N, C-alpha and C. Protein backbone atom coordinates (compact mmCIF):
# COMPACT_ATOMS: atom_id res chain seq x y z
N MET A 1 1.95 15.80 16.19
CA MET A 1 0.28 16.07 16.45
C MET A 1 0.32 17.15 17.13
N LYS A 2 -0.31 18.18 16.58
CA LYS A 2 -0.27 19.45 16.92
C LYS A 2 -1.56 19.37 18.35
N LEU A 3 -1.74 19.89 19.45
CA LEU A 3 -2.24 20.50 20.09
C LEU A 3 -3.43 21.08 19.79
N VAL A 4 -4.80 21.02 20.19
CA VAL A 4 -6.39 20.89 19.75
C VAL A 4 -6.82 21.81 21.23
N ALA A 5 -6.91 22.98 20.72
CA ALA A 5 -7.41 23.93 22.04
C ALA A 5 -8.50 23.11 22.23
N GLY A 6 -8.88 22.99 23.69
CA GLY A 6 -9.90 22.29 24.58
C GLY A 6 -11.44 23.42 24.74
N PRO A 7 -12.25 22.98 25.12
CA PRO A 7 -13.41 23.70 25.52
C PRO A 7 -13.24 24.96 26.36
N THR A 8 -11.52 25.07 26.94
CA THR A 8 -11.61 25.86 28.04
C THR A 8 -11.14 27.49 27.20
N PRO A 9 -11.57 28.68 28.02
CA PRO A 9 -11.25 29.52 27.59
C PRO A 9 -9.62 29.74 27.07
N PRO A 10 -9.06 30.83 26.09
CA PRO A 10 -7.95 31.55 25.93
C PRO A 10 -6.89 31.28 27.07
N ASP A 11 -5.82 30.85 27.09
CA ASP A 11 -4.72 30.35 28.61
C ASP A 11 -3.19 30.85 28.24
N PRO A 12 -3.39 32.03 28.25
CA PRO A 12 -1.83 33.04 28.06
C PRO A 12 -0.93 32.23 28.28
N VAL A 13 -1.09 31.72 29.53
CA VAL A 13 0.55 31.56 30.88
C VAL A 13 0.50 29.92 30.17
N SER A 14 -0.42 28.88 29.99
CA SER A 14 -0.38 27.44 29.13
C SER A 14 0.73 27.75 27.79
N GLU A 15 -0.25 28.76 27.26
CA GLU A 15 0.30 28.83 25.90
C GLU A 15 1.62 29.48 25.88
N ALA A 16 2.18 30.33 26.66
CA ALA A 16 3.47 30.95 26.74
C ALA A 16 4.72 29.67 27.06
N HIS A 17 4.11 29.10 28.00
CA HIS A 17 4.95 28.02 28.88
C HIS A 17 5.18 26.79 27.86
N ALA A 18 3.71 26.49 27.18
CA ALA A 18 4.45 24.82 26.04
C ALA A 18 5.06 25.38 25.01
N ALA A 19 4.75 26.90 24.41
CA ALA A 19 5.91 27.34 23.44
C ALA A 19 7.52 27.16 24.09
N ALA A 20 7.64 27.67 25.22
CA ALA A 20 8.82 27.26 26.01
C ALA A 20 9.69 25.97 26.21
N PHE A 21 7.97 24.74 25.99
CA PHE A 21 8.61 23.42 26.41
C PHE A 21 8.93 23.02 25.04
N GLU A 22 8.34 23.80 23.88
CA GLU A 22 8.61 23.01 22.69
C GLU A 22 9.84 23.45 22.25
N GLU A 23 10.37 24.46 22.66
CA GLU A 23 11.93 25.02 22.30
C GLU A 23 12.88 24.26 23.25
N ALA A 24 12.51 23.70 24.73
CA ALA A 24 13.14 22.86 25.39
C ALA A 24 13.52 21.48 24.80
N TRP A 25 12.66 21.01 24.35
CA TRP A 25 12.23 19.72 23.89
C TRP A 25 13.68 20.08 22.80
N ARG A 26 13.31 20.67 21.95
CA ARG A 26 14.21 20.90 20.37
C ARG A 26 16.01 20.73 21.05
N GLU A 27 16.23 21.58 21.58
CA GLU A 27 17.29 22.03 22.33
C GLU A 27 17.71 20.75 23.20
N PHE A 28 17.03 19.66 24.12
CA PHE A 28 17.17 18.62 24.58
C PHE A 28 17.76 17.61 23.64
N THR A 29 16.74 17.20 22.23
CA THR A 29 16.86 16.64 21.20
C THR A 29 18.03 16.78 20.70
N GLU A 30 18.62 17.75 20.42
CA GLU A 30 19.69 17.91 19.24
C GLU A 30 20.73 17.96 19.93
N THR A 31 20.76 18.16 21.37
CA THR A 31 21.80 17.75 22.58
C THR A 31 22.16 16.14 22.67
N CYS A 32 21.28 15.57 22.98
CA CYS A 32 21.33 14.33 23.78
C CYS A 32 20.98 13.22 22.71
N ALA A 33 21.05 13.43 21.48
CA ALA A 33 20.76 12.43 20.59
C ALA A 33 21.68 11.48 20.38
N GLY A 34 23.11 11.90 20.79
CA GLY A 34 23.60 10.53 20.96
C GLY A 34 23.88 9.65 21.83
N THR A 35 23.24 9.78 23.02
CA THR A 35 23.64 9.65 24.15
C THR A 35 22.76 8.27 24.36
N VAL A 36 23.57 7.44 25.73
CA VAL A 36 22.55 6.27 26.07
C VAL A 36 22.76 6.52 27.36
N ALA A 37 21.87 6.51 28.58
CA ALA A 37 21.55 6.62 29.88
C ALA A 37 20.04 6.14 30.22
N PRO A 38 20.05 6.06 31.45
CA PRO A 38 19.10 5.94 32.18
C PRO A 38 17.40 6.87 31.72
N GLU A 39 16.92 6.85 31.85
CA GLU A 39 15.50 7.27 31.62
C GLU A 39 15.48 8.35 32.67
N ALA A 40 15.55 8.37 33.63
CA ALA A 40 15.57 9.28 34.58
C ALA A 40 16.72 10.70 34.54
N THR A 41 17.39 10.07 33.83
CA THR A 41 18.94 11.19 33.09
C THR A 41 17.98 11.99 32.40
N TYR A 42 17.35 11.12 31.15
CA TYR A 42 16.80 12.36 30.19
C TYR A 42 15.41 13.21 30.84
N GLN A 43 15.11 12.49 31.72
CA GLN A 43 14.37 13.48 32.34
C GLN A 43 14.65 14.52 32.86
N ALA A 44 15.93 14.37 33.25
CA ALA A 44 17.19 15.51 34.51
C ALA A 44 17.30 16.68 33.28
N TRP A 45 17.67 15.76 32.30
CA TRP A 45 18.36 16.62 31.43
C TRP A 45 16.87 17.59 30.75
N LEU A 46 16.15 16.87 30.07
CA LEU A 46 14.86 17.90 30.13
C LEU A 46 14.63 19.11 30.63
N ALA A 47 14.23 18.63 32.54
CA ALA A 47 14.00 19.63 32.66
C ALA A 47 15.36 20.96 32.93
N HIS A 48 16.22 20.62 33.01
CA HIS A 48 17.31 21.73 33.13
C HIS A 48 16.86 22.59 31.67
N PHE A 49 16.94 21.92 30.86
CA PHE A 49 16.74 22.77 29.54
C PHE A 49 15.30 23.82 29.32
N MET A 50 14.15 22.83 30.31
CA MET A 50 13.04 24.50 30.45
C MET A 50 12.89 25.12 31.91
N ILE A 51 13.96 24.29 32.83
CA ILE A 51 14.51 25.41 34.06
C ILE A 51 15.34 26.87 33.20
N GLN A 52 15.97 26.49 32.45
CA GLN A 52 16.22 27.78 31.63
C GLN A 52 15.87 28.87 30.91
N ARG A 53 14.43 28.35 30.37
CA ARG A 53 13.58 29.50 29.95
C ARG A 53 12.47 29.69 30.77
N VAL A 54 12.10 29.24 32.23
CA VAL A 54 11.14 29.49 32.85
C VAL A 54 11.54 30.07 34.59
N GLY A 55 13.04 29.28 34.53
CA GLY A 55 13.12 29.70 36.01
C GLY A 55 13.07 28.22 36.68
N LEU A 56 13.84 28.35 38.10
CA LEU A 56 13.46 26.94 38.77
C LEU A 56 12.81 26.26 39.26
N MET A 57 12.00 27.42 39.65
CA MET A 57 11.07 26.99 40.84
C MET A 57 9.52 26.87 40.25
N HIS A 58 9.66 27.06 38.74
CA HIS A 58 8.33 26.69 37.94
C HIS A 58 8.34 25.05 37.68
N VAL A 59 9.70 24.58 37.81
CA VAL A 59 9.61 22.72 37.07
C VAL A 59 9.73 22.20 38.16
N VAL A 60 8.75 21.02 38.41
CA VAL A 60 9.10 20.13 39.30
C VAL A 60 8.58 18.33 38.50
N ARG A 61 8.89 17.62 38.94
CA ARG A 61 8.95 16.04 38.66
C ARG A 61 7.89 15.44 39.82
N GLU A 62 7.38 14.33 39.23
CA GLU A 62 6.79 13.34 39.71
C GLU A 62 5.98 13.53 40.68
N VAL A 63 4.71 14.19 40.08
CA VAL A 63 3.80 14.88 40.94
C VAL A 63 2.31 13.56 40.80
N ASP A 64 2.39 13.13 41.61
CA ASP A 64 1.35 11.53 41.77
C ASP A 64 -0.10 12.50 42.17
N PHE A 65 -1.37 11.70 40.84
CA PHE A 65 -2.84 11.32 41.16
C PHE A 65 -2.72 10.38 41.53
N GLY A 66 -3.97 10.42 42.08
CA GLY A 66 -4.67 8.84 42.89
C GLY A 66 -5.78 8.69 41.14
N ALA A 67 -5.65 7.13 41.02
CA ALA A 67 -5.92 6.53 39.71
C ALA A 67 -7.54 6.29 40.23
N ARG A 68 -7.62 5.85 41.16
CA ARG A 68 -9.05 5.53 41.95
C ARG A 68 -9.79 6.62 41.90
N HIS A 69 -9.05 7.66 42.03
CA HIS A 69 -10.33 9.10 41.91
C HIS A 69 -10.63 9.69 40.50
N LEU A 70 -10.20 9.00 39.24
CA LEU A 70 -10.23 9.50 37.85
C LEU A 70 -11.25 8.78 37.33
N GLY A 71 -12.35 8.29 37.81
CA GLY A 71 -13.22 7.46 37.06
C GLY A 71 -13.74 5.94 37.20
N GLU A 72 -14.38 5.53 36.84
CA GLU A 72 -14.35 3.90 37.17
C GLU A 72 -13.59 3.06 35.71
N ALA A 73 -13.59 3.94 34.53
CA ALA A 73 -13.24 3.68 33.41
C ALA A 73 -11.66 3.47 33.70
N ALA A 74 -11.16 4.95 34.19
CA ALA A 74 -9.71 5.37 34.20
C ALA A 74 -9.24 4.36 35.64
N ALA A 75 -9.72 4.14 36.61
CA ALA A 75 -9.49 3.21 37.63
C ALA A 75 -8.94 2.09 37.23
N ALA A 76 -9.95 1.08 36.51
CA ALA A 76 -10.01 -0.22 36.05
C ALA A 76 -8.58 -0.28 35.51
N ARG A 77 -8.75 0.99 34.24
CA ARG A 77 -7.28 0.50 33.49
C ARG A 77 -5.60 0.58 34.12
N PHE A 78 -5.55 1.56 34.97
CA PHE A 78 -4.69 1.73 36.06
C PHE A 78 -5.14 0.92 37.13
N ARG A 79 -5.73 0.38 37.24
CA ARG A 79 -5.73 -0.91 38.86
C ARG A 79 -5.47 -0.08 40.06
N GLY A 80 -5.95 1.26 39.93
CA GLY A 80 -6.02 2.26 41.50
C GLY A 80 -4.74 2.65 41.84
N SER A 81 -3.54 2.23 40.90
CA SER A 81 -2.41 2.76 41.74
C SER A 81 -2.44 4.36 41.73
N ASN A 82 -1.23 4.84 42.30
CA ASN A 82 -0.68 6.89 42.02
C ASN A 82 -0.31 6.79 41.01
N LEU A 83 -0.21 7.21 39.81
CA LEU A 83 -0.19 8.34 38.68
C LEU A 83 0.85 9.17 38.60
N MET A 84 2.08 8.82 38.76
CA MET A 84 3.01 10.01 38.95
C MET A 84 3.18 10.59 37.23
N VAL A 85 3.45 11.47 37.17
CA VAL A 85 3.72 12.43 35.79
C VAL A 85 5.24 12.75 36.09
N ASP A 86 5.61 12.97 34.82
CA ASP A 86 7.23 12.79 34.81
C ASP A 86 8.28 14.50 35.11
N LEU A 87 7.47 15.61 34.28
CA LEU A 87 7.57 16.67 34.45
C LEU A 87 6.57 17.67 34.13
N LEU A 88 6.61 18.44 35.50
CA LEU A 88 5.36 19.55 35.12
C LEU A 88 5.84 20.96 35.62
N VAL A 89 5.10 21.96 34.43
CA VAL A 89 5.62 23.43 34.82
C VAL A 89 4.61 24.22 35.23
N LEU A 90 4.87 25.13 36.85
CA LEU A 90 4.14 25.57 37.67
C LEU A 90 3.90 27.20 36.99
N ARG A 91 2.26 27.41 36.85
CA ARG A 91 2.01 28.78 36.37
C ARG A 91 2.50 29.42 37.14
N GLU A 92 2.70 29.30 38.76
CA GLU A 92 3.55 30.36 39.03
C GLU A 92 4.79 30.04 39.87
N PRO A 93 5.81 30.66 40.63
CA PRO A 93 7.00 29.79 41.31
C PRO A 93 6.56 29.96 42.15
N VAL A 94 5.81 29.11 42.94
CA VAL A 94 5.24 28.82 44.63
C VAL A 94 4.97 27.06 44.41
N VAL A 95 5.78 26.04 44.74
CA VAL A 95 6.16 25.32 45.15
C VAL A 95 5.57 24.38 46.56
N ASP A 96 4.72 24.04 46.56
CA ASP A 96 4.01 23.03 47.61
C ASP A 96 3.22 21.79 47.19
N LEU A 97 4.20 21.02 47.01
CA LEU A 97 3.70 19.65 46.20
C LEU A 97 4.00 18.58 46.92
N PRO A 98 3.86 18.14 48.46
CA PRO A 98 3.88 16.98 48.78
C PRO A 98 3.38 15.95 48.33
N ARG A 99 4.04 14.65 48.53
CA ARG A 99 3.53 13.30 47.80
C ARG A 99 2.38 12.94 48.36
N ARG A 100 1.05 12.58 47.67
CA ARG A 100 -0.22 12.21 48.37
C ARG A 100 0.31 11.41 49.07
N ALA A 101 0.78 10.18 48.95
CA ALA A 101 1.12 9.34 49.62
C ALA A 101 1.78 9.38 51.08
N ALA A 102 2.28 10.35 51.56
CA ALA A 102 2.90 10.50 52.34
C ALA A 102 2.75 11.89 53.30
N LEU A 103 1.27 12.54 52.68
CA LEU A 103 0.91 13.77 53.43
C LEU A 103 0.14 13.55 54.67
N ALA A 104 0.37 13.90 55.80
CA ALA A 104 0.00 14.09 57.05
C ALA A 104 -1.48 13.97 57.33
N GLN A 105 -1.98 14.56 56.69
CA GLN A 105 -3.18 15.66 56.66
C GLN A 105 -4.26 14.65 55.83
N VAL A 106 -5.57 14.38 56.37
CA VAL A 106 -6.52 13.10 55.88
C VAL A 106 -6.68 13.63 53.96
N GLU A 107 -7.04 14.79 54.29
CA GLU A 107 -7.22 15.02 52.71
C GLU A 107 -6.25 16.46 52.24
N LEU A 108 -6.26 16.51 50.83
CA LEU A 108 -5.00 17.24 50.35
C LEU A 108 -6.36 18.55 50.22
N PRO A 109 -5.85 19.59 50.14
CA PRO A 109 -6.74 21.11 50.00
C PRO A 109 -7.07 21.09 48.76
N ASP A 110 -7.83 20.39 47.86
CA ASP A 110 -8.58 20.38 46.57
C ASP A 110 -9.78 20.85 46.62
N GLY A 111 -10.68 20.50 47.67
CA GLY A 111 -12.02 21.34 48.19
C GLY A 111 -12.82 19.98 47.08
N ALA A 112 -14.16 20.34 47.40
CA ALA A 112 -15.29 19.42 47.04
C ALA A 112 -14.96 19.23 45.28
N PRO A 113 -15.33 18.35 45.03
CA PRO A 113 -16.20 17.07 45.13
C PRO A 113 -15.23 16.14 45.61
N ASN A 114 -13.68 16.04 45.13
CA ASN A 114 -12.70 15.24 45.24
C ASN A 114 -11.36 15.32 46.38
N PRO A 115 -11.07 15.97 47.47
CA PRO A 115 -10.45 16.45 48.12
C PRO A 115 -9.19 15.69 48.17
N LYS A 116 -8.92 14.11 47.93
CA LYS A 116 -7.56 12.97 48.24
C LYS A 116 -7.32 12.80 46.82
N SER A 117 -8.02 13.61 45.80
CA SER A 117 -7.67 13.00 44.36
C SER A 117 -6.27 13.82 43.72
N GLY A 118 -5.94 14.68 44.07
CA GLY A 118 -4.71 15.67 43.72
C GLY A 118 -5.10 16.11 42.47
N LEU A 119 -6.65 16.22 42.19
CA LEU A 119 -6.78 16.70 40.57
C LEU A 119 -6.96 18.22 40.96
N GLY A 120 -7.59 18.86 41.68
CA GLY A 120 -7.87 20.06 41.82
C GLY A 120 -6.36 20.94 41.67
N ARG A 121 -5.11 20.16 41.99
CA ARG A 121 -3.82 21.03 41.84
C ARG A 121 -3.88 21.24 40.11
N LEU A 122 -4.55 20.82 39.32
CA LEU A 122 -4.11 20.55 37.75
C LEU A 122 -4.05 22.08 37.62
N LYS A 123 -5.05 23.04 38.60
CA LYS A 123 -5.07 24.55 38.18
C LYS A 123 -3.67 25.18 38.61
N ASP A 124 -3.00 24.97 38.98
CA ASP A 124 -1.80 25.13 39.71
C ASP A 124 -0.58 25.04 38.38
N PHE A 125 -0.91 24.08 37.21
CA PHE A 125 0.04 23.84 36.12
C PHE A 125 -0.52 24.58 34.80
N SER A 126 0.68 24.63 34.32
CA SER A 126 0.41 25.05 32.82
C SER A 126 0.67 24.00 31.56
N VAL A 127 1.88 23.12 31.95
CA VAL A 127 2.32 22.37 31.13
C VAL A 127 2.53 20.80 31.97
N ILE A 128 2.25 19.68 31.46
CA ILE A 128 2.51 18.65 32.02
C ILE A 128 2.75 17.35 31.02
N THR A 129 3.83 16.75 31.38
CA THR A 129 4.56 16.13 30.28
C THR A 129 5.01 14.61 30.65
N GLU A 130 4.80 13.41 29.72
CA GLU A 130 5.46 12.27 29.76
C GLU A 130 6.75 12.10 28.96
N LEU A 131 7.69 11.53 28.99
CA LEU A 131 9.11 11.23 28.22
C LEU A 131 9.35 9.59 28.08
N LYS A 132 9.14 9.25 26.86
CA LYS A 132 9.60 8.13 26.14
C LYS A 132 10.96 8.57 25.69
N VAL A 133 11.90 7.18 26.07
CA VAL A 133 13.39 7.49 25.45
C VAL A 133 13.59 6.40 25.02
N SER A 134 13.76 6.15 23.48
CA SER A 134 14.23 4.31 22.92
C SER A 134 15.33 3.88 23.52
N ALA A 135 16.45 4.83 23.66
CA ALA A 135 17.90 4.51 24.06
C ALA A 135 17.63 3.81 25.32
N THR A 136 16.64 3.92 25.90
CA THR A 136 16.64 3.45 27.60
C THR A 136 16.07 1.49 27.38
N GLN A 137 16.06 1.18 26.25
CA GLN A 137 15.41 0.23 26.28
C GLN A 137 15.67 -0.80 25.16
N ILE A 138 16.09 -1.78 25.47
CA ILE A 138 16.95 -3.23 24.98
C ILE A 138 16.38 -3.29 23.85
N GLU A 139 14.82 -3.79 23.68
CA GLU A 139 13.98 -4.21 22.77
C GLU A 139 13.19 -2.83 21.93
N GLY A 140 13.80 -1.24 22.41
CA GLY A 140 13.27 -0.31 21.80
C GLY A 140 11.57 -0.10 22.81
N LEU A 141 11.28 0.88 22.25
CA LEU A 141 9.89 1.56 22.97
C LEU A 141 9.18 0.51 22.42
N ASP A 142 7.84 0.29 23.55
CA ASP A 142 6.67 -0.65 23.77
C ASP A 142 5.63 0.09 23.06
N TYR A 143 5.02 -0.15 22.00
CA TYR A 143 3.79 0.86 21.56
C TYR A 143 2.70 1.17 22.90
N THR A 144 2.55 -0.18 23.52
CA THR A 144 1.53 -0.02 24.57
C THR A 144 1.93 0.79 25.68
N GLU A 145 3.31 0.91 26.10
CA GLU A 145 3.37 1.89 27.00
C GLU A 145 3.42 3.00 27.10
N VAL A 146 3.43 3.57 25.56
CA VAL A 146 3.49 4.84 24.79
C VAL A 146 2.19 5.11 24.93
N VAL A 147 1.44 4.66 24.18
CA VAL A 147 -0.57 4.68 24.10
C VAL A 147 -0.59 5.18 25.45
N ARG A 148 -0.17 4.29 26.50
CA ARG A 148 -0.78 4.47 27.95
C ARG A 148 -0.46 5.58 28.28
N ASP A 149 0.57 6.04 28.00
CA ASP A 149 1.11 7.82 28.69
C ASP A 149 0.16 8.39 27.60
N PHE A 150 0.11 8.30 26.79
CA PHE A 150 -1.18 9.06 26.41
C PHE A 150 -2.42 9.15 27.14
N GLU A 151 -3.64 8.07 27.14
CA GLU A 151 -3.96 7.56 28.19
C GLU A 151 -4.34 8.35 29.67
N LYS A 152 -2.90 7.98 30.19
CA LYS A 152 -2.74 8.86 31.67
C LYS A 152 -3.01 10.23 31.43
N LEU A 153 -2.05 10.50 31.01
CA LEU A 153 -2.78 12.37 31.15
C LEU A 153 -3.77 12.72 30.70
N SER A 154 -4.37 11.92 29.53
CA SER A 154 -6.23 11.93 29.23
C SER A 154 -6.92 11.92 30.27
N ALA A 155 -6.86 10.79 31.20
CA ALA A 155 -7.35 10.54 31.91
C ALA A 155 -7.55 11.70 33.12
N ILE A 156 -6.30 11.85 33.10
CA ILE A 156 -6.03 13.19 34.53
C ILE A 156 -7.11 14.34 34.14
N LEU A 157 -6.77 14.62 32.69
CA LEU A 157 -7.62 16.06 32.64
C LEU A 157 -8.74 15.76 32.18
N ASN A 158 -9.46 14.31 31.69
CA ASN A 158 -10.78 14.45 31.77
C ASN A 158 -11.25 14.44 33.15
N ALA A 159 -10.62 13.60 33.92
CA ALA A 159 -11.30 13.67 35.49
C ALA A 159 -11.36 15.42 35.75
N ALA A 160 -10.17 15.72 36.17
CA ALA A 160 -10.24 17.34 36.20
C ALA A 160 -11.21 17.88 36.01
N GLU A 161 -11.52 17.93 34.45
CA GLU A 161 -12.47 18.83 33.59
C GLU A 161 -13.70 18.01 34.21
N GLN A 162 -13.99 17.34 34.48
CA GLN A 162 -15.27 16.73 35.00
C GLN A 162 -15.69 17.25 36.27
N GLN A 163 -14.79 17.01 37.33
CA GLN A 163 -14.98 17.28 38.85
C GLN A 163 -14.02 18.78 39.41
N TYR A 164 -13.59 19.41 38.50
CA TYR A 164 -13.68 20.87 38.35
C TYR A 164 -13.76 21.54 37.53
N PRO A 165 -14.82 22.16 36.87
CA PRO A 165 -15.30 22.45 35.70
C PRO A 165 -14.91 24.21 35.56
N GLY A 166 -14.61 24.81 35.27
CA GLY A 166 -14.25 25.92 35.04
C GLY A 166 -12.66 26.67 35.61
N ALA A 167 -11.87 25.18 36.53
CA ALA A 167 -10.99 25.28 36.76
C ALA A 167 -10.08 25.71 35.21
N PRO A 168 -8.95 26.25 35.46
CA PRO A 168 -8.01 26.02 34.23
C PRO A 168 -7.20 24.72 34.32
N LEU A 169 -6.84 23.97 32.91
CA LEU A 169 -6.78 22.70 32.62
C LEU A 169 -5.00 23.13 31.95
N PRO A 170 -4.15 22.09 32.43
CA PRO A 170 -3.01 22.29 31.38
C PRO A 170 -2.74 21.99 30.23
N LEU A 171 -1.83 22.36 29.44
CA LEU A 171 -1.52 22.17 28.19
C LEU A 171 -0.49 20.27 28.24
N ALA A 172 -0.75 19.52 27.81
CA ALA A 172 -0.35 18.32 28.33
C ALA A 172 0.82 17.95 26.90
N PHE A 173 2.07 16.98 27.26
CA PHE A 173 2.79 16.73 25.98
C PHE A 173 3.24 15.37 26.30
N VAL A 174 3.28 14.08 25.47
CA VAL A 174 4.42 13.19 25.43
C VAL A 174 5.28 13.29 24.61
N GLY A 175 6.30 13.20 24.94
CA GLY A 175 7.44 13.52 24.27
C GLY A 175 7.73 12.14 24.19
N ILE A 176 8.58 11.91 22.55
CA ILE A 176 8.96 10.41 22.21
C ILE A 176 10.46 10.80 21.57
N PHE A 177 11.24 9.98 22.47
CA PHE A 177 12.53 10.61 22.06
C PHE A 177 12.88 9.14 21.06
N ASN A 178 12.89 9.22 20.09
CA ASN A 178 13.65 7.91 19.27
C ASN A 178 14.88 8.32 19.00
N ASN A 179 15.94 7.94 19.95
CA ASN A 179 17.77 8.11 19.81
C ASN A 179 18.51 6.51 19.49
N ARG A 180 17.40 5.85 18.74
CA ARG A 180 18.52 4.58 18.51
C ARG A 180 17.90 4.45 17.18
N SER A 181 18.24 3.68 16.26
CA SER A 181 18.12 3.34 15.09
C SER A 181 17.28 2.30 14.50
N LYS A 182 17.43 1.20 15.77
CA LYS A 182 17.15 -0.22 15.86
C LYS A 182 16.93 -0.67 17.22
N PRO A 183 15.69 -1.18 17.18
CA PRO A 183 14.63 -1.42 16.52
C PRO A 183 13.93 -0.41 16.01
N ARG A 184 13.31 -0.08 15.04
CA ARG A 184 12.94 1.11 14.15
C ARG A 184 11.49 1.50 15.07
N PHE A 185 11.06 2.18 15.36
CA PHE A 185 10.18 2.92 15.88
C PHE A 185 9.50 3.76 15.00
N ASN A 186 8.17 2.93 14.57
CA ASN A 186 7.26 3.28 13.58
C ASN A 186 5.89 3.98 14.19
N PHE A 187 6.14 5.87 13.98
CA PHE A 187 5.21 6.64 14.24
C PHE A 187 3.73 6.59 13.48
N GLU A 188 3.84 5.79 12.49
CA GLU A 188 2.75 5.38 11.77
C GLU A 188 1.79 4.58 12.34
N HIS A 189 2.37 3.65 12.85
CA HIS A 189 1.49 2.46 13.59
C HIS A 189 1.31 2.75 14.75
N LEU A 190 1.95 4.01 15.51
CA LEU A 190 1.46 4.84 16.86
C LEU A 190 0.24 5.36 16.51
N HIS A 191 0.04 6.18 15.47
CA HIS A 191 -0.82 6.99 15.39
C HIS A 191 -2.15 6.32 15.17
N ARG A 192 -1.79 5.12 13.82
CA ARG A 192 -2.98 4.13 13.93
C ARG A 192 -3.28 3.49 15.51
N ARG A 193 -2.67 3.31 16.48
CA ARG A 193 -3.17 3.06 17.75
C ARG A 193 -3.82 4.21 18.66
N LEU A 194 -3.27 5.37 18.11
CA LEU A 194 -3.43 6.57 19.28
C LEU A 194 -5.73 6.81 18.37
N SER A 195 -5.64 6.74 17.35
CA SER A 195 -6.94 6.50 16.41
C SER A 195 -7.80 6.02 17.21
N GLN A 196 -7.47 4.33 17.93
CA GLN A 196 -8.09 3.87 18.26
C GLN A 196 -8.82 4.47 19.64
N VAL A 197 -7.81 5.03 20.31
CA VAL A 197 -8.37 5.69 21.90
C VAL A 197 -7.81 7.09 21.74
N PRO A 198 -8.47 8.00 21.22
CA PRO A 198 -8.15 9.19 20.94
C PRO A 198 -7.90 10.23 22.12
N PRO A 199 -6.56 10.67 22.70
CA PRO A 199 -6.53 11.24 23.45
C PRO A 199 -7.25 12.74 23.54
N HIS A 200 -7.23 13.19 25.20
CA HIS A 200 -8.07 14.09 25.44
C HIS A 200 -7.49 15.92 24.28
N PRO A 201 -8.12 16.34 23.77
CA PRO A 201 -7.94 17.18 23.00
C PRO A 201 -6.45 18.39 23.09
N ARG A 202 -5.97 18.39 24.69
CA ARG A 202 -5.60 19.18 25.22
C ARG A 202 -4.27 18.33 25.49
N VAL A 203 -3.93 16.75 24.40
CA VAL A 203 -2.51 16.04 24.90
C VAL A 203 -2.22 16.41 23.43
N GLY A 204 -1.15 16.46 23.03
CA GLY A 204 -0.02 16.49 22.03
C GLY A 204 1.10 15.43 22.43
N MET A 205 2.10 15.43 20.98
CA MET A 205 2.90 14.59 20.89
C MET A 205 4.08 15.35 20.68
N LEU A 206 5.18 15.71 20.94
CA LEU A 206 6.43 16.03 20.76
C LEU A 206 7.41 14.97 20.20
N ARG A 207 8.13 14.50 18.71
CA ARG A 207 8.80 13.48 18.78
C ARG A 207 10.26 14.05 18.01
N PHE A 208 11.28 13.12 18.21
CA PHE A 208 12.30 13.23 17.72
C PHE A 208 12.77 11.99 17.00
N ASP A 209 13.03 11.63 15.33
CA ASP A 209 13.83 10.61 14.76
C ASP A 209 15.22 10.95 14.73
N LEU A 210 16.10 9.98 14.70
CA LEU A 210 17.37 9.83 14.21
C LEU A 210 17.25 10.17 12.67
N PRO A 211 18.23 10.05 11.99
CA PRO A 211 18.04 10.32 10.59
C PRO A 211 18.20 8.76 10.47
N GLY A 212 17.53 8.68 9.40
CA GLY A 212 17.41 7.31 8.48
C GLY A 212 16.26 6.25 9.67
N SER A 213 16.22 6.47 10.72
CA SER A 213 14.78 5.76 11.90
C SER A 213 13.65 5.45 11.15
N THR A 214 13.68 6.05 10.46
CA THR A 214 12.27 6.00 9.62
C THR A 214 11.89 5.99 8.11
């Protein structure tokens, strides 16, 4: 799935970091295809390959956004929980990202209209990503859970676009690492599911299939 530029102006930093992330993805999948490990391990390995390209202080994990601040539909879809994003790339190597739930101050420094959402922080990120790995699931990847990751990233981008118009938006990826042959993961079926709930135009897919798995 190709990323399609949204209504925002050209963004050389996001584009450069997205290209670096695609390179990191290729090396990650080639190196780790024959492994079986917990999902957090795959996230750490992918972060490692990205750090090699952009530097340590550009790459962070598990930044959270408040679902209840993302609009009525998203709040209902995600039941008011905090939405953790797996891996994110900062535009600048400046890291000041305490978890929203652990903040002592009443509000995040996001500014109006929604200072508690974390959405204003998106302007500091060039790339945000989710990762799904088939080897971590005994019964294989669940299509609903994969689609939910597209919905999650889209909900975050849509809310930020509405509440902070004019602020730069990151590019986003859902990486699907199909590193087991059975049960088969059907990407054609996934595309049909996604056509029913089209992702935000800045959300794209990166995929890997074992030979013979499709």
